[in-house]
Amino acid sequence: MVGFFENELGRVQISPSIVRRIIMREVENSRCFRFPGMKGGESASRKIMERYIKVTFVDGSVEATLTLTVLFGTKIIKEARELQGKITRALELTAGLVVSRIALNVENVYTVDEPQPLLLEHDAIQINAVNQ
């Protein structure tokens, strides 16, 4: 379903896949949200975008529902509101859309799976200390 909306230049038509790409970029830049089944730093495929980002157009505005996983220990409400604001701003600035609703459904919790680098004994650490 293609979305239509009116602005000062006339009637504009936009595909839901473009809206999904804009939303996907904001989710990938998030430090505590990702799409289910994805690893850190991995790009979302078209199949994942269509499955976890639902876009609908209602009366000249756009509504989106996202299904995400969240990093363990995250303040979900605070971070979710921040992500909603970023998505809304991105859609308004890049596509000129009026956003009526961005809903986030948190499906699961993930932990950081990247190993932390170890400090080896033979690595030198230089410290500059000044006595005052």
C-alpha atoms as a PDB file:
ATOM      1  CA  MET A   1       0.000   0.000   0.000  1.00  0.00           C
ATOM      2  CA  VAL A   2       1.517   3.283  -1.106  1.00  0.00           C
ATOM      3  CA  GLY A   3       0.981   6.325   1.109  1.00  0.00           C
ATOM      4  CA  PHE A   4      -0.324   9.648  -0.131  1.00  0.00           C
ATOM      5  CA  PHE A   5      -0.165  12.980   1.626  1.00  0.00           C
ATOM      6  CA  GLU A   6      -0.593  16.616   0.710  1.00  0.00           C
ATOM      7  CA  ASN A   7       1.948  19.355   1.299  1.00  0.00           C
ATOM      8  CA  GLU A   8       2.626  22.828  -0.102  1.00  0.00           C
ATOM      9  CA  LEU A   9       4.025  21.297  -3.301  1.00  0.00           C
ATOM     10  CA  GLY A  10       0.973  19.121  -3.973  1.00  0.00           C
ATOM     11  CA  ARG A  11       0.180  15.432  -3.581  1.00  0.00           C
ATOM     12  CA  VAL A  12       3.142  13.244  -2.622  1.00  0.00           C
ATOM     13  CA  GLN A  13       3.347   9.462  -2.874  1.00  0.00           C
ATOM     14  CA  ILE A  14       5.762   7.320  -0.801  1.00  0.00           C
ATOM     15  CA  SER A  15       6.386   3.597  -0.540  1.00  0.00           C
ATOM     16  CA  PRO A  16       6.328   1.821   2.839  1.00  0.00           C
ATOM     17  CA  SER A  17       9.722   0.277   2.034  1.00  0.00           C
ATOM     18  CA  ILE A  18      11.309   3.756   2.036  1.00  0.00           C
ATOM     19  CA  VAL A  19       9.721   4.504   5.404  1.00  0.00           C
ATOM     20  CA  ARG A  20      11.023   1.152   6.714  1.00  0.00           C
ATOM     21  CA  ARG A  21      14.578   1.982   5.570  1.00  0.00           C
ATOM     22  CA  ILE A  22      14.505   5.314   7.395  1.00  0.00           C
ATOM     23  CA  ILE A  23      13.247   3.594  10.553  1.00  0.00           C
ATOM     24  CA  MET A  24      15.784   0.776  10.201  1.00  0.00           C
ATOM     25  CA  ARG A  25      18.661   3.247  10.063  1.00  0.00           C
ATOM     26  CA  GLU A  26      17.568   4.817  13.358  1.00  0.00           C
ATOM     27  CA  VAL A  27      17.196   1.417  15.060  1.00  0.00           C
ATOM     28  CA  GLU A  28      20.644   0.325  13.845  1.00  0.00           C
ATOM     29  CA  ASN A  29      22.130   3.523  15.327  1.00  0.00           C
ATOM     30  CA  SER A  30      20.482   2.770  18.671  1.00  0.00           C
ATOM     31  CA  ARG A  31      22.805   1.492  21.383  1.00  0.00           C
ATOM     32  CA  CYS A  32      20.226  -0.636  23.204  1.00  0.00           C
ATOM     33  CA  PHE A  33      17.625  -1.777  20.653  1.00  0.00           C
ATOM     34  CA  ARG A  34      17.928  -4.207  17.752  1.00  0.00           C
ATOM     35  CA  PHE A  35      15.659  -6.395  15.695  1.00  0.00           C
ATOM     36  CA  PRO A  36      15.015  -9.947  16.969  1.00  0.00           C
ATOM     37  CA  GLY A  37      17.558 -12.497  15.781  1.00  0.00           C
ATOM     38  CA  MET A  38      20.193  -9.942  14.803  1.00  0.00           C
ATOM     39  CA  LYS A  39      23.733  -9.641  16.134  1.00  0.00           C
ATOM     40  CA  GLY A  40      25.479  -6.377  16.983  1.00  0.00           C
ATOM     41  CA  GLY A  41      26.723  -4.427  13.953  1.00  0.00           C
ATOM     42  CA  GLU A  42      24.723  -6.557  11.516  1.00  0.00           C
ATOM     43  CA  SER A  43      22.565  -4.867   8.861  1.00  0.00           C
ATOM     44  CA  ALA A  44      18.894  -5.742   8.652  1.00  0.00           C
ATOM     45  CA  SER A  45      17.731  -7.545   5.540  1.00  0.00           C
ATOM     46  CA  ARG A  46      14.583  -6.675   3.639  1.00  0.00           C
ATOM     47  CA  LYS A  47      12.886  -9.754   5.083  1.00  0.00           C
ATOM     48  CA  ILE A  48      13.629  -8.629   8.656  1.00  0.00           C
ATOM     49  CA  MET A  49      12.407  -5.099   7.920  1.00  0.00           C
ATOM     50  CA  GLU A  50       9.100  -6.343   6.512  1.00  0.00           C
ATOM     51  CA  ARG A  51       8.615  -8.733   9.399  1.00  0.00           C
ATOM     52  CA  TYR A  52       9.415  -6.390  12.304  1.00  0.00           C
ATOM     53  CA  ILE A  53       8.402  -2.945  10.964  1.00  0.00           C
ATOM     54  CA  LYS A  54       4.731  -2.482  10.107  1.00  0.00           C
ATOM     55  CA  VAL A  55       3.905   0.782   8.325  1.00  0.00           C
ATOM     56  CA  THR A  56       0.403   2.117   7.672  1.00  0.00           C
ATOM     57  CA  PHE A  57      -0.802   5.405   6.233  1.00  0.00           C
ATOM     58  CA  VAL A  58      -3.850   7.014   7.830  1.00  0.00           C
ATOM     59  CA  ASP A  59      -5.373  10.329   6.695  1.00  0.00           C
ATOM     60  CA  GLY A  60      -2.141  11.790   5.336  1.00  0.00           C
ATOM     61  CA  SER A  61       0.025  10.635   8.229  1.00  0.00           C
ATOM     62  CA  VAL A  62       2.115   7.571   8.930  1.00  0.00           C
ATOM     63  CA  GLU A  63       1.912   5.053  11.769  1.00  0.00           C
ATOM     64  CA  ALA A  64       4.613   2.480  12.475  1.00  0.00           C
ATOM     65  CA  THR A  65       4.780  -0.504  14.805  1.00  0.00           C
ATOM     66  CA  LEU A  66       8.201  -1.992  15.542  1.00  0.00           C
ATOM     67  CA  THR A  67       9.053  -5.274  17.225  1.00  0.00           C
ATOM     68  CA  LEU A  68      12.454  -5.076  18.917  1.00  0.00           C
ATOM     69  CA  THR A  69      14.721  -6.680  21.484  1.00  0.00           C
ATOM     70  CA  VAL A  70      16.362  -4.616  24.210  1.00  0.00           C
ATOM     71  CA  LEU A  71      19.757  -4.771  25.910  1.00  0.00           C
ATOM     72  CA  PHE A  72      19.655  -6.167  29.432  1.00  0.00           C
ATOM     73  CA  GLY A  73      19.803  -3.398  32.048  1.00  0.00           C
ATOM     74  CA  THR A  74      18.305  -0.701  29.812  1.00  0.00           C
ATOM     75  CA  LYS A  75      15.810   1.807  31.168  1.00  0.00           C
ATOM     76  CA  ILE A  76      13.250   0.769  28.584  1.00  0.00           C
ATOM     77  CA  ILE A  77      10.741   3.603  28.881  1.00  0.00           C
ATOM     78  CA  LYS A  78      13.384   6.341  28.714  1.00  0.00           C
ATOM     79  CA  GLU A  79      15.264   4.775  25.793  1.00  0.00           C
ATOM     80  CA  ALA A  80      12.044   3.886  23.937  1.00  0.00           C
ATOM     81  CA  ARG A  81      10.832   7.495  24.092  1.00  0.00           C
ATOM     82  CA  GLU A  82      14.211   8.673  22.836  1.00  0.00           C
ATOM     83  CA  LEU A  83      14.097   6.211  19.920  1.00  0.00           C
ATOM     84  CA  GLN A  84      10.521   7.240  19.092  1.00  0.00           C
ATOM     85  CA  GLY A  85      11.620  10.867  18.949  1.00  0.00           C
ATOM     86  CA  LYS A  86      14.576  10.067  16.697  1.00  0.00           C
ATOM     87  CA  ILE A  87      12.395   8.055  14.315  1.00  0.00           C
ATOM     88  CA  THR A  88       9.762  10.788  14.230  1.00  0.00           C
ATOM     89  CA  ARG A  89      12.351  13.492  13.486  1.00  0.00           C
ATOM     90  CA  ALA A  90      14.004  11.369  10.799  1.00  0.00           C
ATOM     91  CA  LEU A  91      10.689  10.710   9.023  1.00  0.00           C
ATOM     92  CA  GLU A  92       9.649  14.349   9.225  1.00  0.00           C
ATOM     93  CA  LEU A  93      12.994  15.724   8.020  1.00  0.00           C
ATOM     94  CA  THR A  94      13.933  13.196   5.328  1.00  0.00           C
ATOM     95  CA  ALA A  95      10.532  12.344   3.861  1.00  0.00           C
ATOM     96  CA  GLY A  96       8.351  15.264   4.950  1.00  0.00           C
ATOM     97  CA  LEU A  97       5.854  12.904   6.577  1.00  0.00           C
ATOM     98  CA  VAL A  98       3.509  13.706   9.423  1.00  0.00           C
ATOM     99  CA  VAL A  99       3.948  10.998  12.063  1.00  0.00           C
ATOM    100  CA  SER A 100       0.882  10.175  14.104  1.00  0.00           C
ATOM    101  CA  ARG A 101       2.227   7.173  16.053  1.00  0.00           C
ATOM    102  CA  ILE A 102       5.392   5.135  16.569  1.00  0.00           C
ATOM    103  CA  ALA A 103       4.709   2.031  18.678  1.00  0.00           C
ATOM    104  CA  LEU A 104       7.562  -0.079  20.041  1.00  0.00           C
ATOM    105  CA  ASN A 105       6.898  -3.651  21.127  1.00  0.00           C
ATOM    106  CA  VAL A 106       9.756  -5.153  23.115  1.00  0.00           C
ATOM    107  CA  GLU A 107       9.760  -8.872  22.435  1.00  0.00           C
ATOM    108  CA  ASN A 108      12.853 -10.071  24.247  1.00  0.00           C
ATOM    109  CA  VAL A 109      16.021  -9.099  26.116  1.00  0.00           C
ATOM    110  CA  TYR A 110      19.560  -9.702  24.882  1.00  0.00           C
ATOM    111  CA  THR A 111      22.953  -9.471  26.544  1.00  0.00           C
ATOM    112  CA  VAL A 112      26.189  -8.155  25.121  1.00  0.00           C
ATOM    113  CA  ASP A 113      27.708 -11.080  23.269  1.00  0.00           C
ATOM    114  CA  GLU A 114      30.901  -9.392  22.139  1.00  0.00           C
ATOM    115  CA  PRO A 115      33.909 -10.506  24.232  1.00  0.00           C
ATOM    116  CA  GLN A 116      35.766  -7.771  26.075  1.00  0.00           C
ATOM    117  CA  PRO A 117      39.445  -7.379  25.149  1.00  0.00           C
ATOM    118  CA  LEU A 118      41.823  -8.658  27.783  1.00  0.00           C
ATOM    119  CA  LEU A 119      44.736  -6.616  29.069  1.00  0.00           C
ATOM    120  CA  LEU A 120      47.837  -8.772  28.747  1.00  0.00           C
ATOM    121  CA  GLU A 121      50.698  -8.505  31.223  1.00  0.00           C
ATOM    122  CA  HIS A 122      53.240  -7.530  28.597  1.00  0.00           C
ATOM    123  CA  ASP A 123      51.137  -4.577  27.374  1.00  0.00           C
ATOM    124  CA  ALA A 124      52.542  -1.336  28.714  1.00  0.00           C
ATOM    125  CA  ILE A 125      50.191   1.283  30.105  1.00  0.00           C
ATOM    126  CA  GLN A 126      51.510   4.804  30.171  1.00  0.00           C
ATOM    127  CA  ILE A 127      50.150   6.982  32.958  1.00  0.00           C
ATOM    128  CA  ASN A 128      50.936  10.645  33.397  1.00  0.00           C
ATOM    129  CA  ALA A 129      50.531  11.656  37.010  1.00  0.00           C
ATOM    130  CA  VAL A 130      51.105  15.094  38.429  1.00  0.00           C
ATOM    131  CA  ASN A 131      51.505  15.776  42.149  1.00  0.00           C
ATOM    132  CA  GLN A 132      49.903  18.943  43.342  1.00  0.00           C
END
